[in-house]
């Protein structure tokens, strides 16, 4: 696999993480570089970890993984999106709590489940998994970091409306994943 092909795969895999990062940035009052780094580490780390796990699982478990991955992503994104919408109508909470492990791990898992399937396909292609995982993780880190900043630029101007929009986007992302995997569209 060429570097260009790997880059295209890495960017494609990081788009869900980018969308979620933008949503997270929308809810921030003030830009926090620490939170941008935290988001990059979680999303980049899981985007790198999932293909490695998929690669190790290989072809023996591909059917099982593909049967449930869309449901897991749908449920996690729907719950997180609904919570984000509820928070927009509630009292303001401390922003750092939105970047804790309890919040970030489900988001990172939901946005990286498709990378698990890519890892399984890497096993078929006999790709250098270490190099690929590092490349995917770094690409996702950078894109997620930038997503926080982009979301924050718009979020400071439109606060609660942006948070509601972000929550709706997450719910729709979950629905899109589910509908695509069920073959409805």
N, C-alpha and C. Protein backbone atom coordinates (compact mmCIF):
# COMPACT_ATOMS: atom_id res chain seq x y z
N UNK A 1 0.86 -1.18 0.00
CA UNK A 1 0.00 0.00 0.00
C UNK A 1 0.90 1.23 0.00
N UNK A 2 0.59 2.17 -0.88
CA UNK A 2 1.40 3.38 -1.00
C UNK A 2 1.06 4.36 0.12
N UNK A 3 1.93 5.33 0.31
CA UNK A 3 1.72 6.37 1.31
C UNK A 3 0.47 7.19 1.00
N UNK A 4 0.24 7.45 -0.26
CA UNK A 4 -0.95 8.22 -0.66
C UNK A 4 -2.22 7.44 -0.32
N UNK A 5 -2.24 6.15 -0.61
CA UNK A 5 -3.40 5.32 -0.29
C UNK A 5 -3.64 5.29 1.21
N UNK A 6 -2.57 5.14 1.97
CA UNK A 6 -2.69 5.13 3.42
C UNK A 6 -3.19 6.47 3.95
N UNK A 7 -2.71 7.57 3.35
CA UNK A 7 -3.16 8.90 3.75
C UNK A 7 -4.65 9.08 3.50
N UNK A 8 -5.12 8.63 2.34
CA UNK A 8 -6.55 8.73 2.01
C UNK A 8 -7.37 7.92 3.02
N UNK A 9 -6.92 6.73 3.35
CA UNK A 9 -7.61 5.90 4.34
C UNK A 9 -7.62 6.60 5.70
N UNK A 10 -6.47 7.14 6.11
CA UNK A 10 -6.36 7.81 7.41
C UNK A 10 -7.29 9.02 7.49
N UNK A 11 -7.34 9.80 6.44
CA UNK A 11 -8.22 10.98 6.43
C UNK A 11 -9.67 10.52 6.46
N UNK A 12 -10.01 9.53 5.68
CA UNK A 12 -11.38 9.02 5.66
C UNK A 12 -11.80 8.51 7.03
N UNK A 13 -10.92 7.76 7.69
CA UNK A 13 -11.24 7.24 9.02
C UNK A 13 -11.38 8.36 10.04
N UNK A 14 -10.65 9.44 9.86
CA UNK A 14 -10.67 10.51 10.87
C UNK A 14 -11.84 11.47 10.71
N UNK A 15 -12.64 11.34 9.68
CA UNK A 15 -13.74 12.29 9.46
C UNK A 15 -14.80 12.24 10.57
N UNK A 16 -15.13 11.06 11.08
CA UNK A 16 -16.09 11.00 12.19
C UNK A 16 -15.50 11.69 13.43
N UNK A 17 -14.23 11.44 13.70
CA UNK A 17 -13.57 12.07 14.84
C UNK A 17 -13.51 13.59 14.64
N UNK A 18 -13.31 14.03 13.41
CA UNK A 18 -13.29 15.46 13.11
C UNK A 18 -14.66 16.08 13.39
N UNK A 19 -15.72 15.42 12.94
CA UNK A 19 -17.08 15.94 13.16
C UNK A 19 -17.38 16.04 14.65
N UNK A 20 -17.00 15.01 15.41
CA UNK A 20 -17.24 15.03 16.86
C UNK A 20 -16.38 16.11 17.52
N UNK A 21 -15.15 16.28 17.05
CA UNK A 21 -14.27 17.31 17.61
C UNK A 21 -14.85 18.70 17.37
N UNK A 22 -15.40 18.90 16.19
CA UNK A 22 -16.04 20.19 15.89
C UNK A 22 -17.20 20.40 16.86
N UNK A 23 -17.99 19.35 17.08
CA UNK A 23 -19.10 19.45 18.03
C UNK A 23 -18.61 19.76 19.43
N UNK A 24 -17.53 19.12 19.85
CA UNK A 24 -16.96 19.39 21.18
C UNK A 24 -16.46 20.84 21.25
N UNK A 25 -15.83 21.30 20.19
CA UNK A 25 -15.35 22.68 20.16
C UNK A 25 -16.47 23.69 20.19
N UNK A 26 -17.63 23.32 19.61
CA UNK A 26 -18.79 24.21 19.63
C UNK A 26 -19.24 24.52 21.06
N UNK A 27 -19.06 23.56 21.95
CA UNK A 27 -19.57 23.73 23.31
C UNK A 27 -18.58 24.44 24.24
N UNK A 28 -17.41 24.78 23.75
CA UNK A 28 -16.40 25.44 24.59
C UNK A 28 -16.57 26.96 24.53
N UNK A 29 -16.59 27.57 25.73
CA UNK A 29 -16.67 29.04 25.80
C UNK A 29 -15.41 29.68 25.26
N UNK A 30 -14.29 29.16 25.71
CA UNK A 30 -12.99 29.71 25.36
C UNK A 30 -12.11 28.56 24.86
N UNK A 31 -11.29 28.85 23.88
CA UNK A 31 -10.42 27.81 23.32
C UNK A 31 -9.47 27.28 24.39
N UNK A 32 -9.46 25.97 24.54
CA UNK A 32 -8.55 25.31 25.47
C UNK A 32 -7.64 24.39 24.67
N UNK A 33 -6.38 24.76 24.56
CA UNK A 33 -5.43 23.94 23.82
C UNK A 33 -5.26 22.59 24.51
N UNK A 34 -5.38 22.59 25.84
CA UNK A 34 -5.29 21.34 26.60
C UNK A 34 -6.39 20.39 26.15
N UNK A 35 -7.62 20.88 26.04
CA UNK A 35 -8.74 20.04 25.61
C UNK A 35 -8.59 19.59 24.16
N UNK A 36 -8.01 20.44 23.33
CA UNK A 36 -7.76 20.05 21.93
C UNK A 36 -6.76 18.90 21.88
N UNK A 37 -5.75 18.96 22.72
CA UNK A 37 -4.76 17.88 22.79
C UNK A 37 -5.40 16.61 23.34
N UNK A 38 -6.24 16.76 24.36
CA UNK A 38 -6.92 15.59 24.94
C UNK A 38 -7.78 14.92 23.87
N UNK A 39 -8.55 15.71 23.14
CA UNK A 39 -9.40 15.15 22.07
C UNK A 39 -8.53 14.45 21.02
N UNK A 40 -7.44 15.08 20.63
CA UNK A 40 -6.54 14.48 19.66
C UNK A 40 -5.96 13.16 20.14
N UNK A 41 -5.59 13.11 21.42
CA UNK A 41 -5.02 11.88 21.97
C UNK A 41 -6.07 10.77 22.01
N UNK A 42 -7.26 11.08 22.51
CA UNK A 42 -8.31 10.05 22.55
C UNK A 42 -8.68 9.56 21.15
N UNK A 43 -9.01 10.50 20.27
CA UNK A 43 -9.44 10.10 18.93
C UNK A 43 -8.31 9.46 18.14
N UNK A 44 -7.14 10.07 18.17
CA UNK A 44 -5.99 9.50 17.47
C UNK A 44 -5.60 8.15 18.04
N UNK A 45 -5.61 8.04 19.37
CA UNK A 45 -5.24 6.79 20.02
C UNK A 45 -6.17 5.65 19.65
N UNK A 46 -7.47 5.92 19.72
CA UNK A 46 -8.43 4.87 19.38
C UNK A 46 -8.44 4.57 17.88
N UNK A 47 -8.25 5.60 17.05
CA UNK A 47 -8.19 5.36 15.60
C UNK A 47 -6.98 4.50 15.25
N UNK A 48 -5.91 4.62 16.03
CA UNK A 48 -4.74 3.77 15.82
C UNK A 48 -4.92 2.39 16.43
N UNK A 49 -5.56 2.34 17.58
CA UNK A 49 -5.74 1.07 18.30
C UNK A 49 -6.69 0.12 17.57
N UNK A 50 -7.78 0.64 17.06
CA UNK A 50 -8.80 -0.20 16.44
C UNK A 50 -8.30 -0.97 15.22
N UNK A 51 -7.54 -0.36 14.29
CA UNK A 51 -7.04 -1.18 13.18
C UNK A 51 -6.07 -2.28 13.66
N UNK A 52 -5.33 -1.97 14.72
CA UNK A 52 -4.42 -2.98 15.27
C UNK A 52 -5.23 -4.17 15.81
N UNK A 53 -6.31 -3.87 16.54
CA UNK A 53 -7.18 -4.94 17.05
C UNK A 53 -7.82 -5.71 15.90
N UNK A 54 -8.32 -4.97 14.90
CA UNK A 54 -8.93 -5.60 13.73
C UNK A 54 -7.95 -6.49 13.00
N UNK A 55 -6.73 -6.03 12.89
CA UNK A 55 -5.69 -6.81 12.23
C UNK A 55 -5.45 -8.12 12.98
N UNK A 56 -5.39 -8.02 14.31
CA UNK A 56 -5.16 -9.20 15.13
C UNK A 56 -6.34 -10.18 15.08
N UNK A 57 -7.54 -9.64 15.04
CA UNK A 57 -8.71 -10.51 14.95
C UNK A 57 -8.77 -11.22 13.60
N UNK A 58 -8.33 -10.49 12.58
CA UNK A 58 -8.24 -11.07 11.24
C UNK A 58 -9.56 -11.55 10.68
N UNK A 59 -9.45 -12.43 9.75
CA UNK A 59 -10.61 -12.88 9.00
C UNK A 59 -11.52 -13.81 9.79
N UNK A 60 -11.03 -14.44 10.84
CA UNK A 60 -11.85 -15.40 11.58
C UNK A 60 -13.08 -14.79 12.22
N UNK A 61 -12.98 -13.53 12.62
CA UNK A 61 -14.08 -12.91 13.34
C UNK A 61 -14.73 -11.75 12.58
N UNK A 62 -14.39 -11.57 11.32
CA UNK A 62 -14.90 -10.43 10.54
C UNK A 62 -16.42 -10.40 10.51
N UNK A 63 -17.07 -11.55 10.30
CA UNK A 63 -18.53 -11.59 10.23
C UNK A 63 -19.18 -11.15 11.54
N UNK A 64 -18.63 -11.58 12.65
CA UNK A 64 -19.18 -11.23 13.97
C UNK A 64 -19.04 -9.74 14.21
N UNK A 65 -17.87 -9.18 13.94
CA UNK A 65 -17.62 -7.75 14.15
C UNK A 65 -18.58 -6.92 13.30
N UNK A 66 -18.73 -7.28 12.03
CA UNK A 66 -19.57 -6.51 11.12
C UNK A 66 -21.05 -6.59 11.48
N UNK A 67 -21.46 -7.64 12.21
CA UNK A 67 -22.87 -7.75 12.61
C UNK A 67 -23.25 -6.75 13.70
N UNK A 68 -22.31 -6.31 14.52
CA UNK A 68 -22.64 -5.49 15.68
C UNK A 68 -22.03 -4.10 15.68
N UNK A 69 -21.02 -3.81 14.87
CA UNK A 69 -20.32 -2.54 14.96
C UNK A 69 -21.23 -1.34 14.75
N UNK A 70 -22.16 -1.42 13.82
CA UNK A 70 -23.06 -0.30 13.53
C UNK A 70 -24.01 -0.03 14.70
N UNK A 71 -24.44 -1.08 15.41
CA UNK A 71 -25.32 -0.88 16.56
C UNK A 71 -24.59 -0.18 17.70
N UNK A 72 -23.35 -0.58 17.94
CA UNK A 72 -22.56 0.05 19.01
C UNK A 72 -22.35 1.53 18.69
N UNK A 73 -21.94 1.84 17.46
CA UNK A 73 -21.72 3.23 17.07
C UNK A 73 -23.01 4.04 17.18
N UNK A 74 -24.12 3.49 16.70
CA UNK A 74 -25.41 4.18 16.76
C UNK A 74 -25.80 4.51 18.20
N UNK A 75 -25.75 3.52 19.07
CA UNK A 75 -26.17 3.72 20.47
C UNK A 75 -25.29 4.75 21.16
N UNK A 76 -23.97 4.63 21.01
CA UNK A 76 -23.07 5.58 21.67
C UNK A 76 -23.28 7.01 21.16
N UNK A 77 -23.35 7.18 19.85
CA UNK A 77 -23.52 8.53 19.29
C UNK A 77 -24.89 9.10 19.65
N UNK A 78 -25.92 8.29 19.66
CA UNK A 78 -27.26 8.78 20.02
C UNK A 78 -27.30 9.24 21.47
N UNK A 79 -26.75 8.46 22.37
CA UNK A 79 -26.75 8.83 23.79
C UNK A 79 -25.96 10.12 24.01
N UNK A 80 -24.79 10.19 23.41
CA UNK A 80 -23.94 11.38 23.58
C UNK A 80 -24.60 12.60 22.95
N UNK A 81 -25.20 12.44 21.78
CA UNK A 81 -25.87 13.56 21.11
C UNK A 81 -27.06 14.08 21.91
N UNK A 82 -27.88 13.18 22.44
CA UNK A 82 -29.03 13.58 23.25
C UNK A 82 -28.55 14.30 24.52
N UNK A 83 -27.50 13.79 25.15
CA UNK A 83 -26.94 14.46 26.34
C UNK A 83 -26.45 15.86 26.00
N UNK A 84 -25.84 16.02 24.85
CA UNK A 84 -25.34 17.32 24.43
C UNK A 84 -26.50 18.31 24.24
N UNK A 85 -27.59 17.83 23.65
CA UNK A 85 -28.77 18.68 23.45
C UNK A 85 -29.36 19.07 24.82
N UNK A 86 -29.47 18.10 25.74
CA UNK A 86 -29.99 18.39 27.08
C UNK A 86 -29.11 19.41 27.80
N UNK A 87 -27.79 19.28 27.66
CA UNK A 87 -26.88 20.22 28.31
C UNK A 87 -27.04 21.64 27.79
N UNK A 88 -27.42 21.78 26.51
CA UNK A 88 -27.61 23.10 25.93
C UNK A 88 -28.76 23.84 26.61
N UNK A 89 -29.72 23.08 27.13
CA UNK A 89 -30.88 23.69 27.80
C UNK A 89 -30.69 23.79 29.30
N UNK A 90 -29.67 23.12 29.83
CA UNK A 90 -29.44 23.11 31.27
C UNK A 90 -28.47 24.18 31.70
N UNK A 91 -28.07 24.06 32.97
CA UNK A 91 -27.08 25.00 33.51
C UNK A 91 -25.73 24.72 32.89
N UNK A 92 -24.93 25.79 32.80
CA UNK A 92 -23.59 25.63 32.28
C UNK A 92 -22.76 24.82 33.25
N UNK A 93 -22.03 23.84 32.71
CA UNK A 93 -21.16 23.06 33.58
C UNK A 93 -19.72 23.34 33.22
N UNK A 94 -18.83 22.94 34.10
CA UNK A 94 -17.41 23.19 33.88
C UNK A 94 -16.97 22.49 32.59
N UNK A 95 -16.30 23.23 31.74
CA UNK A 95 -15.94 22.69 30.43
C UNK A 95 -14.98 21.52 30.50
N UNK A 96 -14.05 21.52 31.44
CA UNK A 96 -13.07 20.44 31.51
C UNK A 96 -13.73 19.09 31.74
N UNK A 97 -14.90 19.06 32.41
CA UNK A 97 -15.55 17.79 32.67
C UNK A 97 -16.03 17.14 31.38
N UNK A 98 -16.21 17.91 30.33
CA UNK A 98 -16.65 17.35 29.05
C UNK A 98 -15.52 16.64 28.32
N UNK A 99 -14.32 16.74 28.82
CA UNK A 99 -13.18 16.09 28.19
C UNK A 99 -12.57 15.03 29.10
N UNK A 100 -13.37 14.56 30.06
CA UNK A 100 -12.88 13.50 30.95
C UNK A 100 -13.02 12.15 30.26
N UNK A 101 -12.42 11.13 30.86
CA UNK A 101 -12.42 9.78 30.27
C UNK A 101 -13.83 9.24 30.08
N UNK A 102 -14.73 9.53 31.04
CA UNK A 102 -16.11 9.03 30.97
C UNK A 102 -16.82 9.55 29.72
N UNK A 103 -16.48 10.73 29.30
CA UNK A 103 -17.08 11.33 28.12
C UNK A 103 -16.33 10.95 26.85
N UNK A 104 -15.02 10.99 26.91
CA UNK A 104 -14.21 10.83 25.70
C UNK A 104 -14.08 9.38 25.21
N UNK A 105 -14.03 8.43 26.12
CA UNK A 105 -13.86 7.03 25.68
C UNK A 105 -15.03 6.55 24.83
N UNK A 106 -16.29 6.77 25.25
CA UNK A 106 -17.39 6.34 24.35
C UNK A 106 -17.36 7.05 22.99
N UNK A 107 -17.01 8.33 22.99
CA UNK A 107 -16.91 9.05 21.72
C UNK A 107 -15.80 8.47 20.85
N UNK A 108 -14.67 8.19 21.46
CA UNK A 108 -13.53 7.64 20.71
C UNK A 108 -13.86 6.26 20.16
N UNK A 109 -14.55 5.45 20.94
CA UNK A 109 -14.93 4.12 20.47
C UNK A 109 -15.93 4.25 19.31
N UNK A 110 -16.94 5.08 19.49
CA UNK A 110 -17.99 5.23 18.47
C UNK A 110 -17.41 5.73 17.14
N UNK A 111 -16.43 6.62 17.21
CA UNK A 111 -15.88 7.17 15.96
C UNK A 111 -14.80 6.30 15.35
N UNK A 112 -14.37 5.27 16.05
CA UNK A 112 -13.27 4.46 15.52
C UNK A 112 -13.66 3.02 15.20
N UNK A 113 -14.93 2.69 15.33
CA UNK A 113 -15.35 1.31 15.06
C UNK A 113 -15.11 0.93 13.61
N UNK A 114 -15.29 1.86 12.68
CA UNK A 114 -15.02 1.53 11.29
C UNK A 114 -13.55 1.21 11.06
N UNK A 115 -12.68 1.75 11.89
CA UNK A 115 -11.24 1.45 11.78
C UNK A 115 -10.95 0.00 12.13
N UNK A 116 -11.80 -0.61 12.93
CA UNK A 116 -11.65 -2.03 13.26
C UNK A 116 -11.78 -2.87 11.99
N UNK A 117 -12.78 -2.56 11.18
CA UNK A 117 -12.98 -3.28 9.92
C UNK A 117 -11.81 -3.03 8.96
N UNK A 118 -11.28 -1.81 8.97
CA UNK A 118 -10.12 -1.51 8.12
C UNK A 118 -8.94 -2.38 8.55
N UNK A 119 -8.78 -2.56 9.86
CA UNK A 119 -7.71 -3.41 10.36
C UNK A 119 -7.85 -4.85 9.88
N UNK A 120 -9.09 -5.34 9.84
CA UNK A 120 -9.33 -6.70 9.32
C UNK A 120 -8.91 -6.75 7.84
N UNK A 121 -9.26 -5.72 7.08
CA UNK A 121 -8.87 -5.71 5.66
C UNK A 121 -7.36 -5.59 5.50
N UNK A 122 -6.69 -4.91 6.43
CA UNK A 122 -5.23 -4.83 6.39
C UNK A 122 -4.60 -6.21 6.53
N UNK A 123 -5.25 -7.09 7.29
CA UNK A 123 -4.73 -8.45 7.44
C UNK A 123 -4.75 -9.18 6.10
N UNK A 124 -5.79 -8.94 5.29
CA UNK A 124 -5.88 -9.56 3.97
C UNK A 124 -4.80 -8.99 3.04
N UNK A 125 -4.55 -7.71 3.17
CA UNK A 125 -3.63 -7.03 2.26
C UNK A 125 -2.17 -7.16 2.67
N UNK A 126 -1.94 -7.74 3.83
CA UNK A 126 -0.58 -7.90 4.36
C UNK A 126 0.14 -6.55 4.45
N UNK A 127 -0.56 -5.57 5.03
CA UNK A 127 -0.05 -4.22 5.20
C UNK A 127 0.88 -4.20 6.42
N UNK A 128 1.87 -3.32 6.39
CA UNK A 128 2.72 -3.12 7.56
C UNK A 128 1.87 -2.44 8.64
N UNK A 129 1.39 -3.22 9.60
CA UNK A 129 0.39 -2.71 10.55
C UNK A 129 0.96 -1.64 11.48
N UNK A 130 2.18 -1.79 11.94
CA UNK A 130 2.76 -0.82 12.88
C UNK A 130 2.83 0.56 12.22
N UNK A 131 3.39 0.61 11.03
CA UNK A 131 3.51 1.86 10.29
C UNK A 131 2.13 2.46 10.03
N UNK A 132 1.19 1.63 9.59
CA UNK A 132 -0.16 2.09 9.26
C UNK A 132 -0.89 2.65 10.48
N UNK A 133 -0.79 1.96 11.61
CA UNK A 133 -1.46 2.37 12.84
C UNK A 133 -0.91 3.72 13.32
N UNK A 134 0.39 3.87 13.28
CA UNK A 134 1.01 5.14 13.70
C UNK A 134 0.56 6.27 12.79
N UNK A 135 0.56 6.02 11.49
CA UNK A 135 0.17 7.04 10.51
C UNK A 135 -1.29 7.45 10.71
N UNK A 136 -2.18 6.48 10.89
CA UNK A 136 -3.60 6.76 11.11
C UNK A 136 -3.79 7.54 12.41
N UNK A 137 -3.11 7.15 13.46
CA UNK A 137 -3.23 7.82 14.76
C UNK A 137 -2.78 9.28 14.67
N UNK A 138 -1.66 9.53 14.04
CA UNK A 138 -1.15 10.90 13.93
C UNK A 138 -2.07 11.75 13.06
N UNK A 139 -2.52 11.21 11.95
CA UNK A 139 -3.45 11.94 11.07
C UNK A 139 -4.72 12.32 11.83
N UNK A 140 -5.29 11.38 12.56
CA UNK A 140 -6.51 11.64 13.32
C UNK A 140 -6.26 12.65 14.44
N UNK A 141 -5.12 12.55 15.10
CA UNK A 141 -4.78 13.52 16.14
C UNK A 141 -4.82 14.93 15.58
N UNK A 142 -4.14 15.15 14.47
CA UNK A 142 -4.06 16.49 13.87
C UNK A 142 -5.43 16.98 13.45
N UNK A 143 -6.19 16.13 12.78
CA UNK A 143 -7.52 16.54 12.29
C UNK A 143 -8.47 16.82 13.46
N UNK A 144 -8.41 16.01 14.52
CA UNK A 144 -9.27 16.23 15.69
C UNK A 144 -8.88 17.52 16.42
N UNK A 145 -7.60 17.75 16.54
CA UNK A 145 -7.10 18.97 17.17
C UNK A 145 -7.64 20.19 16.43
N UNK A 146 -7.53 20.16 15.10
CA UNK A 146 -8.03 21.27 14.28
C UNK A 146 -9.55 21.37 14.37
N UNK A 147 -10.24 20.23 14.48
CA UNK A 147 -11.70 20.23 14.61
C UNK A 147 -12.17 20.96 15.87
N UNK A 148 -11.45 20.77 16.98
CA UNK A 148 -11.78 21.49 18.22
C UNK A 148 -11.70 22.99 17.98
N UNK A 149 -10.64 23.43 17.32
CA UNK A 149 -10.44 24.86 17.06
C UNK A 149 -11.53 25.42 16.14
N UNK A 150 -11.83 24.69 15.09
CA UNK A 150 -12.87 25.14 14.15
C UNK A 150 -14.22 25.23 14.87
N UNK A 151 -14.56 24.21 15.63
CA UNK A 151 -15.81 24.23 16.39
C UNK A 151 -15.87 25.37 17.38
N UNK A 152 -14.74 25.64 18.03
CA UNK A 152 -14.70 26.72 19.02
C UNK A 152 -14.92 28.09 18.39
N UNK A 153 -14.38 28.28 17.20
CA UNK A 153 -14.56 29.56 16.51
C UNK A 153 -16.05 29.83 16.29
N UNK A 154 -16.79 28.81 15.87
CA UNK A 154 -18.22 28.98 15.64
C UNK A 154 -19.02 28.92 16.93
N UNK A 155 -18.58 28.12 17.88
CA UNK A 155 -19.30 27.94 19.13
C UNK A 155 -19.34 29.18 20.01
N UNK A 156 -18.26 29.95 20.01
CA UNK A 156 -18.24 31.15 20.84
C UNK A 156 -19.25 32.18 20.33
N UNK A 157 -19.56 32.10 19.07
CA UNK A 157 -20.52 33.04 18.49
C UNK A 157 -21.97 32.59 18.68
N UNK A 158 -22.19 31.27 18.69
CA UNK A 158 -23.55 30.75 18.64
C UNK A 158 -23.90 29.81 19.79
N UNK A 159 -23.13 29.76 20.85
CA UNK A 159 -23.18 28.90 22.03
C UNK A 159 -24.25 27.81 22.05
N UNK A 160 -25.43 28.05 22.64
CA UNK A 160 -26.39 26.96 22.86
C UNK A 160 -26.96 26.44 21.54
N UNK A 161 -27.16 27.31 20.58
CA UNK A 161 -27.65 26.84 19.28
C UNK A 161 -26.62 25.91 18.64
N UNK A 162 -25.35 26.26 18.79
CA UNK A 162 -24.29 25.42 18.24
C UNK A 162 -24.23 24.08 18.97
N UNK A 163 -24.44 24.09 20.28
CA UNK A 163 -24.42 22.85 21.05
C UNK A 163 -25.60 21.95 20.67
N UNK A 164 -26.76 22.55 20.45
CA UNK A 164 -27.92 21.78 19.98
C UNK A 164 -27.63 21.20 18.60
N UNK A 165 -27.09 22.02 17.72
CA UNK A 165 -26.74 21.54 16.37
C UNK A 165 -25.73 20.41 16.45
N UNK A 166 -24.73 20.55 17.32
CA UNK A 166 -23.73 19.51 17.49
C UNK A 166 -24.34 18.21 17.97
N UNK A 167 -25.26 18.29 18.92
CA UNK A 167 -25.94 17.10 19.42
C UNK A 167 -26.76 16.43 18.34
N UNK A 168 -27.46 17.23 17.56
CA UNK A 168 -28.27 16.70 16.45
C UNK A 168 -27.37 16.02 15.42
N UNK A 169 -26.23 16.63 15.13
CA UNK A 169 -25.29 16.03 14.17
C UNK A 169 -24.82 14.67 14.67
N UNK A 170 -24.51 14.55 15.96
CA UNK A 170 -24.06 13.27 16.50
C UNK A 170 -25.16 12.20 16.39
N UNK A 171 -26.39 12.59 16.70
CA UNK A 171 -27.50 11.64 16.59
C UNK A 171 -27.67 11.21 15.13
N UNK A 172 -27.62 12.16 14.20
CA UNK A 172 -27.75 11.83 12.79
C UNK A 172 -26.59 10.97 12.29
N UNK A 173 -25.37 11.23 12.80
CA UNK A 173 -24.23 10.38 12.42
C UNK A 173 -24.49 8.94 12.85
N UNK A 174 -24.99 8.76 14.07
CA UNK A 174 -25.32 7.42 14.55
C UNK A 174 -26.38 6.77 13.69
N UNK A 175 -27.42 7.52 13.33
CA UNK A 175 -28.49 7.00 12.47
C UNK A 175 -27.95 6.64 11.09
N UNK A 176 -27.09 7.48 10.54
CA UNK A 176 -26.49 7.23 9.22
C UNK A 176 -25.70 5.93 9.23
N UNK A 177 -24.90 5.74 10.25
CA UNK A 177 -24.10 4.51 10.36
C UNK A 177 -25.02 3.30 10.41
N UNK A 178 -26.08 3.38 11.21
CA UNK A 178 -27.02 2.27 11.35
C UNK A 178 -27.73 1.98 10.03
N UNK A 179 -28.25 3.01 9.39
CA UNK A 179 -29.01 2.86 8.14
C UNK A 179 -28.11 2.28 7.04
N UNK A 180 -26.87 2.76 6.94
CA UNK A 180 -25.96 2.24 5.92
C UNK A 180 -25.67 0.76 6.13
N UNK A 181 -25.41 0.39 7.37
CA UNK A 181 -25.06 -1.00 7.65
C UNK A 181 -26.25 -1.95 7.54
N UNK A 182 -27.45 -1.43 7.75
CA UNK A 182 -28.63 -2.26 7.59
C UNK A 182 -29.07 -2.35 6.13
N UNK A 183 -28.42 -1.55 5.25
CA UNK A 183 -28.71 -1.60 3.82
C UNK A 183 -29.98 -0.90 3.43
N UNK A 184 -30.47 0.01 4.28
CA UNK A 184 -31.71 0.73 3.98
C UNK A 184 -31.48 1.76 2.88
N UNK A 185 -30.30 2.34 2.86
CA UNK A 185 -29.97 3.33 1.80
C UNK A 185 -28.90 2.76 0.92
